[in-house]
Protein backbone atom coordinates (compact mmCIF):
# COMPACT_ATOMS: atom_id res chain seq x y z
CA MET A 1 0.16 34.60 -12.19
CA PRO A 2 0.68 32.00 -9.50
CA LEU A 3 -0.61 28.42 -9.91
CA ASP A 4 -4.14 28.21 -8.74
CA CYS A 5 -4.65 24.27 -9.09
CA VAL A 6 -3.04 20.91 -10.01
CA LEU A 7 -4.93 19.07 -12.59
CA THR A 8 -4.54 15.39 -12.56
CA HIS A 9 -5.98 12.07 -14.17
CA HIS A 10 -6.08 9.77 -11.22
CA LEU A 11 -7.22 10.93 -7.89
CA ASN A 12 -6.99 7.62 -5.85
CA THR A 13 -3.67 7.64 -4.20
CA TYR A 14 -4.08 3.75 -3.37
CA THR A 15 -3.80 3.11 -7.05
CA SER A 16 -1.41 5.54 -8.57
CA GLY A 17 1.96 6.91 -7.62
CA VAL A 18 1.41 10.10 -9.73
CA ALA A 19 -1.77 10.69 -7.71
CA ARG A 20 0.03 10.38 -4.43
CA PHE A 21 2.78 12.70 -5.80
CA ASN A 22 0.11 15.31 -6.76
CA GLU A 23 -1.60 14.97 -3.34
CA ILE A 24 1.72 15.93 -1.66
CA LEU A 25 2.48 18.66 -4.15
CA THR A 26 -0.89 20.35 -3.76
CA GLU A 27 -0.46 20.30 0.08
CA ARG A 28 2.82 21.96 -0.13
CA LEU A 29 1.70 24.46 -2.64
CA GLY A 30 -1.42 25.17 -0.96
CA VAL A 31 -3.51 24.80 -3.94
CA PRO A 32 -6.50 22.26 -4.73
CA LEU A 33 -6.24 19.12 -6.67
CA LEU A 34 -8.89 18.54 -9.30
CA SER A 35 -9.43 15.98 -12.09
CA VAL A 36 -8.79 17.34 -15.44
CA PHE A 37 -12.15 16.28 -16.43
CA SER A 38 -14.11 18.12 -13.75
CA ASP A 39 -16.31 21.06 -14.38
CA ALA A 40 -14.13 23.29 -12.17
CA ALA A 41 -11.22 22.68 -14.47
CA ARG A 42 -12.69 25.11 -17.04
CA GLY A 43 -12.61 28.05 -14.94
CA LEU A 44 -9.11 28.08 -13.85
CA ALA A 45 -6.45 30.74 -14.65
CA ARG A 46 -3.17 29.06 -14.19
CA PRO A 47 -3.30 25.16 -13.59
CA LEU A 48 -0.37 22.68 -13.37
CA LEU A 49 -1.22 19.71 -15.50
CA SER A 50 0.40 16.59 -13.75
CA PHE A 51 -0.51 13.30 -15.19
CA LYS A 52 0.44 10.78 -17.93
CA VAL A 53 -1.19 11.33 -21.25
CA GLY A 54 -0.22 7.86 -22.19
CA GLU A 55 -2.61 6.37 -19.44
CA LEU A 56 -5.62 8.14 -20.95
CA ASP A 57 -7.90 6.14 -23.33
CA GLU A 58 -9.04 7.32 -26.64
CA HIS A 59 -12.25 8.96 -25.25
CA GLU A 60 -10.42 10.67 -22.46
CA ARG A 61 -7.80 12.15 -24.85
CA ALA A 62 -10.67 13.57 -26.94
CA LEU A 63 -12.07 15.23 -23.90
CA LEU A 64 -8.86 16.63 -22.88
CA ALA A 65 -8.17 18.02 -26.53
CA ALA A 66 -11.49 19.65 -26.36
CA LEU A 67 -10.71 21.27 -22.92
CA LEU A 68 -7.55 22.60 -24.38
CA ASP A 69 -9.36 24.04 -27.22
CA GLU A 70 -12.16 25.75 -24.97
CA ALA A 71 -10.11 26.74 -21.81
CA SER A 72 -8.83 30.19 -21.49
CA TRP A 73 -6.04 29.37 -19.01
CA LYS A 74 -2.27 29.71 -19.26
CA HIS A 75 -0.91 26.33 -17.98
CA ASP A 76 2.20 24.77 -16.62
CA VAL A 77 2.93 21.02 -17.01
CA TYR A 78 4.94 18.47 -15.15
CA LEU A 79 5.69 15.62 -17.40
CA HIS A 80 5.94 12.14 -15.64
CA GLN A 81 6.71 10.63 -18.94
CA PHE A 82 6.99 11.67 -22.72
CA ARG A 83 6.39 9.61 -25.72
CA ALA A 84 6.12 12.42 -28.23
CA MET A 85 2.38 11.73 -28.71
CA PRO A 86 0.53 14.57 -30.46
CA LEU A 87 -1.41 15.62 -27.56
CA GLU A 88 1.74 15.39 -25.15
CA CYS A 89 3.64 17.68 -27.67
CA ARG A 90 0.71 20.17 -27.65
CA ILE A 91 0.36 20.41 -23.93
CA ALA A 92 4.33 20.62 -23.65
CA THR A 93 4.90 23.19 -26.26
CA HIS A 94 2.07 25.43 -25.20
CA ALA A 95 2.96 25.40 -21.66
CA VAL A 96 4.14 28.69 -19.90
CA GLN A 97 6.73 26.30 -17.82
CA CYS A 98 7.33 22.77 -18.80
CA TRP A 99 8.78 20.56 -16.11
CA ALA A 100 10.56 17.35 -17.07
CA GLY A 101 10.60 14.76 -14.35
CA ASN A 102 13.94 13.34 -15.52
CA ARG A 103 16.79 13.79 -17.87
CA GLU A 104 15.24 11.37 -20.35
CA ILE A 105 12.17 13.31 -20.67
CA LEU A 106 14.14 16.48 -20.85
CA GLU A 107 16.16 15.28 -24.01
CA ARG A 108 13.07 14.12 -25.68
CA LEU A 109 11.41 17.37 -25.18
CA ARG A 110 14.43 19.26 -26.61
CA GLN A 111 14.19 16.90 -29.81
CA ILE A 112 10.90 18.48 -30.59
CA GLY A 113 12.11 22.13 -29.70
CA CYS A 114 10.49 22.55 -26.54
CA GLU A 115 12.12 24.44 -23.73
CA ALA A 116 11.99 22.73 -20.46
CA GLN A 117 13.51 22.63 -17.16
CA LEU A 118 14.83 19.59 -15.24
CA ALA A 119 12.91 18.69 -12.20
CA TRP A 120 12.54 15.46 -10.00
CA ALA A 121 10.28 13.53 -7.84
CA PRO A 122 11.00 13.28 -4.12
CA GLY A 123 10.14 10.00 -2.19
CA LEU A 124 6.55 9.38 -1.26
CA LEU A 125 7.10 7.95 2.29
CA LEU A 126 5.45 10.44 4.50
CA ASP A 127 4.54 8.19 7.24
CA GLN A 128 7.99 7.38 8.74
CA ARG A 129 7.16 6.10 12.12
CA ARG A 130 9.11 3.14 13.39
CA PHE A 131 7.04 0.15 14.67
CA GLU A 132 6.85 0.95 18.40
CA PRO A 133 7.15 -2.10 20.56
CA ALA A 134 3.97 -2.97 22.47
CA GLU A 135 2.76 -5.50 24.96
CA ILE A 136 -0.33 -6.59 22.79
CA SER A 137 -0.54 -6.71 19.04
CA VAL A 138 -3.60 -6.90 16.95
CA PHE A 139 -3.53 -7.96 13.29
CA SER A 140 -6.48 -7.68 10.90
CA PHE A 141 -6.73 -8.17 7.13
CA GLY A 142 -9.55 -9.09 4.65
CA MET A 143 -12.17 -6.63 6.05
CA ALA A 144 -14.64 -6.87 3.10
CA GLY A 145 -17.63 -4.64 2.86
CA LYS A 146 -18.59 -2.30 5.45
CA LEU A 147 -16.35 -1.65 8.38
CA ARG A 148 -17.81 -2.79 11.77
CA ALA A 149 -16.62 0.48 13.59
CA ASP A 150 -18.88 -0.34 16.49
CA MET A 151 -17.07 -3.48 17.22
CA PHE A 152 -13.65 -2.09 16.68
CA ARG A 153 -14.73 0.76 19.02
CA ARG A 154 -15.55 -2.02 21.52
CA LEU A 155 -12.34 -3.65 20.82
CA ARG A 156 -10.47 -0.24 21.72
CA GLU A 157 -12.43 -0.13 25.14
CA LEU A 158 -11.20 -3.82 25.73
CA LEU A 159 -7.66 -3.04 24.85
CA GLU A 160 -7.57 0.28 26.97
CA ALA A 161 -8.87 -1.54 29.86
CA THR A 162 -6.10 -3.97 29.93
CA GLY A 163 -3.71 -1.06 31.00
CA ARG A 164 -1.07 -2.45 28.68
CA SER A 165 0.36 -0.84 25.55
CA TYR A 166 -1.03 -2.11 22.23
CA ARG A 167 -0.63 -1.59 18.49
CA LEU A 168 -2.92 -2.54 15.46
CA TYR A 169 -1.59 -3.62 12.09
CA VAL A 170 -4.14 -3.47 9.41
CA SER A 171 -3.88 -4.89 5.76
CA SER A 172 -6.19 -3.66 3.17
CA ALA A 173 -6.30 -7.11 1.45
CA ASN A 174 -7.61 -5.83 -1.86
CA HIS A 175 -8.74 -9.43 -2.93
CA GLU A 176 -11.40 -9.08 -0.22
CA THR A 177 -12.62 -5.69 -1.09
CA SER A 178 -14.77 -4.78 -4.01
CA SER A 179 -12.82 -1.58 -4.68
CA ILE A 180 -9.67 0.20 -3.85
CA ARG A 181 -11.75 3.06 -2.77
CA GLU A 182 -13.42 0.67 -0.16
CA ALA A 183 -9.98 -0.15 1.17
CA GLU A 184 -9.27 3.72 1.38
CA LEU A 185 -12.52 4.20 3.42
CA VAL A 186 -11.64 1.28 5.76
CA PHE A 187 -8.28 2.99 6.72
CA GLN A 188 -9.78 6.32 7.12
CA GLU A 189 -12.43 5.00 9.53
CA MET A 190 -9.72 2.76 11.35
CA HIS A 191 -7.42 5.80 11.73
CA GLU A 192 -10.33 7.75 13.50
CA LEU A 193 -10.71 5.01 15.93
CA PHE A 194 -6.96 4.36 16.56
CA PRO A 195 -5.37 7.72 15.66
CA THR A 196 -1.91 7.00 17.11
CA ARG A 197 -1.69 3.17 17.56
CA LEU A 198 -2.59 2.09 14.00
CA TYR A 199 -0.22 0.96 11.36
CA PHE A 200 -1.70 0.71 7.77
CA MET A 201 0.13 -2.18 6.00
CA GLY A 202 -1.58 -1.74 2.59
CA ASN A 203 -1.55 -4.80 0.44
CA LEU A 204 0.21 -7.73 1.96
CA SER A 205 1.44 -11.05 0.24
CA ASP A 206 0.41 -14.36 1.63
CA VAL A 207 3.81 -14.68 3.04
CA ALA A 208 3.71 -11.40 4.82
CA VAL A 209 0.03 -12.23 6.17
CA TYR A 210 1.38 -15.59 7.44
CA ASN A 211 4.29 -14.07 9.17
CA TYR A 212 2.06 -11.42 10.88
CA LEU A 213 -0.31 -14.19 12.02
CA GLN A 214 2.66 -15.98 13.60
CA THR A 215 3.67 -13.08 16.01
CA THR A 216 0.18 -11.25 16.73
CA THR A 217 -1.31 -11.46 20.12
CA PHE A 218 -4.80 -11.36 18.69
CA TYR A 219 -6.33 -11.34 15.11
CA ALA A 220 -9.58 -9.23 14.80
CA ALA A 221 -12.20 -9.39 12.10
CA PHE A 222 -15.84 -8.37 12.58
CA PHE A 223 -18.68 -9.05 10.11
CA GLU A 224 -22.33 -7.96 9.39
CA GLY A 225 -24.41 -10.29 11.53
CA GLY A 226 -21.43 -12.56 12.50
CA VAL A 227 -18.45 -14.71 11.29
CA ARG A 228 -19.37 -17.31 8.69
CA SER A 229 -17.84 -20.55 7.80
CA ASN A 230 -16.75 -19.22 4.38
CA ASN A 231 -14.83 -16.12 5.96
CA THR A 232 -11.48 -17.20 4.85
CA SER A 233 -9.57 -14.62 6.75
CA VAL A 234 -10.82 -16.21 10.01
CA SER A 235 -10.04 -19.54 8.69
CA ALA A 236 -6.61 -18.67 7.81
CA ALA A 237 -5.93 -17.04 11.24
CA MET A 238 -7.39 -19.99 13.11
CA GLU A 239 -5.42 -22.54 11.05
CA GLN A 240 -2.22 -20.72 12.30
CA GLY A 241 -3.41 -20.82 15.77
CA CYS A 242 -4.35 -17.20 16.21
CA VAL A 243 -6.59 -15.96 19.08
CA VAL A 244 -9.43 -14.54 16.97
CA ILE A 245 -11.54 -11.79 18.14
CA THR A 246 -14.67 -11.62 16.00
CA ASN A 247 -18.49 -11.61 16.38
CA LEU A 248 -20.87 -14.66 16.51
CA ASP A 249 -24.51 -15.17 15.72
CA GLU A 250 -26.97 -17.93 15.07
CA TYR A 251 -25.34 -18.37 11.73
CA SER A 252 -21.85 -18.82 12.93
CA PRO A 253 -20.16 -22.11 12.83
CA GLU A 254 -21.76 -24.28 15.43
CA HIS A 255 -18.30 -25.35 16.87
CA PHE A 256 -17.00 -21.75 17.53
CA ARG A 257 -17.30 -21.15 21.15
CA HIS A 258 -16.64 -17.97 23.23
CA GLY A 259 -13.58 -18.23 25.38
CA VAL A 260 -12.80 -21.68 23.95
CA ASN A 261 -11.61 -21.25 20.50
CA VAL A 262 -12.65 -17.82 19.60
CA ILE A 263 -13.39 -14.46 21.56
CA ASP A 264 -16.89 -13.07 20.71
CA ILE A 265 -16.55 -9.20 21.16
CA GLU A 266 -20.11 -8.97 22.15
CA GLN A 267 -19.74 -11.37 24.98
CA ALA A 268 -16.14 -10.40 26.20
CA THR A 269 -16.04 -8.40 29.39
CA GLU A 270 -12.15 -8.44 29.06
CA LEU A 271 -9.55 -9.60 26.88
CA PRO A 272 -7.61 -12.73 28.14
CA SER A 273 -3.91 -12.05 29.28
CA ASP A 274 -2.85 -15.25 30.96
CA PRO A 275 -0.38 -17.04 28.68
CA VAL A 276 -1.87 -20.38 29.54
CA LEU A 277 -5.25 -19.36 28.68
CA LEU A 278 -4.08 -17.77 25.35
CA ARG A 279 -2.18 -21.04 24.48
CA ARG A 280 -5.39 -23.24 25.20
CA ILE A 281 -7.51 -20.97 22.82
CA SER A 282 -4.67 -21.01 20.23
CA VAL A 283 -4.54 -24.88 20.44
CA ALA A 284 -8.48 -25.08 20.28
CA ALA A 285 -8.56 -22.62 17.32
CA ARG A 286 -6.39 -24.84 15.38
CA GLU A 287 -8.59 -27.91 16.14
CA ALA A 288 -11.62 -25.97 15.03
CA ALA A 289 -10.03 -25.15 11.83
CA ARG A 290 -9.34 -28.69 11.12
CA GLN A 291 -12.89 -29.45 11.06
CA GLN A 292 -13.32 -27.22 7.98
CA ASP A 293 -10.06 -27.89 6.18
CA TRP A 294 -9.20 -28.38 2.51
CA GLU A 295 -9.11 -32.17 2.75
CA GLY A 296 -12.62 -32.21 4.30
CA LEU A 297 -13.96 -30.02 1.70
CA THR A 298 -12.32 -31.90 -1.22
CA ALA A 299 -13.79 -34.99 0.16
CA LEU A 300 -17.21 -33.39 0.57
CA ILE A 301 -17.19 -31.98 -2.96
CA GLY A 302 -15.46 -34.82 -4.81
CA GLY A 303 -16.99 -37.77 -3.10
CA ASP A 304 -15.64 -40.92 -4.46
CA HIS A 305 -13.44 -38.98 -6.87
CA ALA A 306 -11.70 -37.23 -4.12
CA PRO A 307 -8.10 -38.10 -3.26
CA GLN A 308 -7.49 -39.31 0.35
CA ARG A 309 -5.43 -36.25 1.04
CA ALA A 310 -5.43 -33.28 -1.24
CA ALA A 311 -2.07 -32.36 -2.68
CA SER A 312 -0.40 -29.27 -1.01
CA ALA A 313 1.55 -26.53 -2.73
CA PRO A 314 3.86 -24.15 -1.12
CA ASN A 315 2.35 -21.19 -3.03
CA ARG A 316 -1.27 -22.01 -2.58
CA ARG A 317 -3.20 -18.95 -1.62
CA ALA A 318 -4.74 -20.09 1.63
CA ASN A 319 -6.02 -16.89 2.61
CA ARG A 320 -7.61 -15.81 -0.86
CA ALA A 321 -11.37 -14.79 -0.68
């Protein structure tokens, strides 16, 4: 009987390598990928169990044991790890086919008298595009909450109107998002808007973000209503002299001016291309950022107790939300 499903614990490929492995495997096998705790799991005939039992909590292990008691299936299993836990041993020894992800797992299975076959895990890098050179680069990170797809759509129109090649580099910046799922949805929507010109960078460290800000033509970030004085991603970009494309409203910082120190997507009829103008906006952006820097905030909050100049640290997370 052929496999009819892969059952797993984690389904979010942004948080689990096993989940990504299972996603690719099911695509190649042509079978669905389901949670082992879903109602549909009970009606299967020949599933492949592929997850780490050691990652289940006590309640989940009890649910899985109950499922094994009730299910009428004949299962296979791919073991990503094996610690000889009772539930692991039960799954392995009752499997029609037991696959060991590596030789260490295979040896441990043999120690409990379980017949298994050695398998492996191929690499998970499916998007193997080189960064194609482009005349315009747009970098974005820290998109918290709902993606302003309408404004990114307008940005696409302005980029297309330049007649020049362009690429977008987007980081999920999880410290800004309320969940990994939210970051995944952001990427999916962005991919629909820029199907061939988007590079999704995942989670970037501060030093990686800093270096992208040094080289990008524009930094883009759009918000519900408009940019605010406590939108730290925009602050970080302007501190580095980036030409920021964002959206302004009556509650945006009063010193933000379209065409002077930022580009307001809703006022822009074209993107600046003259190097002198871009440099002028970059310098003005740095000056605007200095009006709301750490020294000023420290003095505001600390009053007489604040030092004249706040101490700096090389590893300070200047772009933390």
